[in-house]
């Protein structure tokens, strides 16, 4: 399976920028759906309400599915790869 990687930078409530990738099947090509996946992730991190639009997230590239993403994609339709500043604040 081929997946699309959406490179995402979202300002946290404390002003620090989170960097993460939204991983979706290549057939998922509706940006609003992909942004909604990112918003679900932000909510899980206590960062709901932060902006996530085409200004914060853009298609980056296509690659082969990695085994560590397979279960999340099968269950939720997407996977998140945390890159920088994604830890939850106490």
Protein backbone atom coordinates (compact mmCIF):
# COMPACT_ATOMS: atom_id res chain seq x y z
CA UNK A 1 0.00 0.00 0.00
CA UNK A 2 1.15 3.52 -0.79
CA UNK A 3 0.56 6.29 1.74
CA UNK A 4 0.55 10.07 1.52
CA UNK A 5 2.51 12.10 4.05
CA UNK A 6 1.15 15.51 5.09
CA UNK A 7 3.81 17.63 6.80
CA UNK A 8 2.14 19.59 9.62
CA UNK A 9 3.23 22.46 11.85
CA UNK A 10 0.68 23.69 14.43
CA UNK A 11 1.25 26.33 17.10
CA UNK A 12 0.44 24.94 20.55
CA UNK A 13 -1.52 26.98 23.08
CA UNK A 14 1.79 27.85 24.78
CA UNK A 15 3.21 29.25 21.51
CA UNK A 16 5.61 26.37 20.76
CA UNK A 17 5.16 24.80 17.33
CA UNK A 18 4.27 21.11 17.09
CA UNK A 19 5.64 19.26 14.07
CA UNK A 20 4.00 16.00 13.06
CA UNK A 21 3.11 14.06 9.94
CA UNK A 22 -0.40 12.91 9.10
CA UNK A 23 -0.16 9.57 7.27
CA UNK A 24 -3.12 8.51 5.09
CA UNK A 25 -3.74 6.01 2.31
CA UNK A 26 -2.88 7.62 -1.02
CA UNK A 27 -6.56 7.29 -2.03
CA UNK A 28 -7.51 9.70 0.77
CA UNK A 29 -7.21 12.96 -1.12
CA UNK A 30 -9.75 15.28 0.54
CA UNK A 31 -7.68 17.86 2.43
CA UNK A 32 -10.51 18.69 4.83
CA UNK A 33 -10.76 15.02 5.87
CA UNK A 34 -7.01 14.93 6.43
CA UNK A 35 -7.14 18.16 8.46
CA UNK A 36 -9.93 16.60 10.56
CA UNK A 37 -7.62 13.66 11.31
CA UNK A 38 -5.04 16.18 12.48
CA UNK A 39 -7.64 17.93 14.62
CA UNK A 40 -8.53 14.60 16.27
CA UNK A 41 -4.87 14.16 17.10
CA UNK A 42 -4.60 17.71 18.46
CA UNK A 43 -7.62 17.09 20.69
CA UNK A 44 -5.97 13.93 22.06
CA UNK A 45 -2.97 16.10 22.99
CA UNK A 46 -5.07 18.78 24.73
CA UNK A 47 -4.52 21.18 21.85
CA UNK A 48 -8.06 21.24 20.45
CA UNK A 49 -9.10 24.52 18.87
CA UNK A 50 -5.65 25.21 17.45
CA UNK A 51 -5.62 26.09 13.73
CA UNK A 52 -5.13 23.29 11.26
CA UNK A 53 -5.68 24.29 7.64
CA UNK A 54 -3.65 24.34 4.45
CA UNK A 55 -1.51 26.99 6.17
CA UNK A 56 -0.36 24.43 8.76
CA UNK A 57 -0.47 21.14 6.83
CA UNK A 58 0.58 20.37 3.27
CA UNK A 59 1.03 17.26 1.18
CA UNK A 60 4.69 16.33 1.23
CA UNK A 61 5.26 13.00 -0.55
CA UNK A 62 4.12 9.43 -1.21
CA UNK A 63 5.92 6.40 0.18
CA UNK A 64 5.36 2.74 1.01
CA UNK A 65 3.35 1.88 4.12
CA UNK A 66 5.54 1.05 7.12
CA UNK A 67 4.40 -1.76 9.43
CA UNK A 68 4.23 0.56 12.47
CA UNK A 69 1.48 2.64 10.76
CA UNK A 70 -0.63 -0.23 9.46
CA UNK A 71 -2.84 -0.87 12.51
CA UNK A 72 -3.68 2.81 13.07
CA UNK A 73 -4.56 3.26 9.40
CA UNK A 74 -6.72 0.15 9.44
CA UNK A 75 -8.53 1.22 12.64
CA UNK A 76 -8.73 5.02 12.29
CA UNK A 77 -7.98 5.71 8.63
CA UNK A 78 -4.77 7.57 9.48
CA UNK A 79 -1.59 7.49 11.54
CA UNK A 80 0.42 10.27 13.17
CA UNK A 81 4.20 10.46 13.25
CA UNK A 82 5.33 12.82 15.99
CA UNK A 83 8.37 14.84 15.00
CA UNK A 84 8.90 17.79 17.40
CA UNK A 85 7.22 19.30 20.48
CA UNK A 86 4.36 16.78 20.52
CA UNK A 87 4.55 15.84 24.19
CA UNK A 88 1.50 16.68 26.30
CA UNK A 89 1.93 19.51 28.77
CA UNK A 90 1.42 18.59 32.46
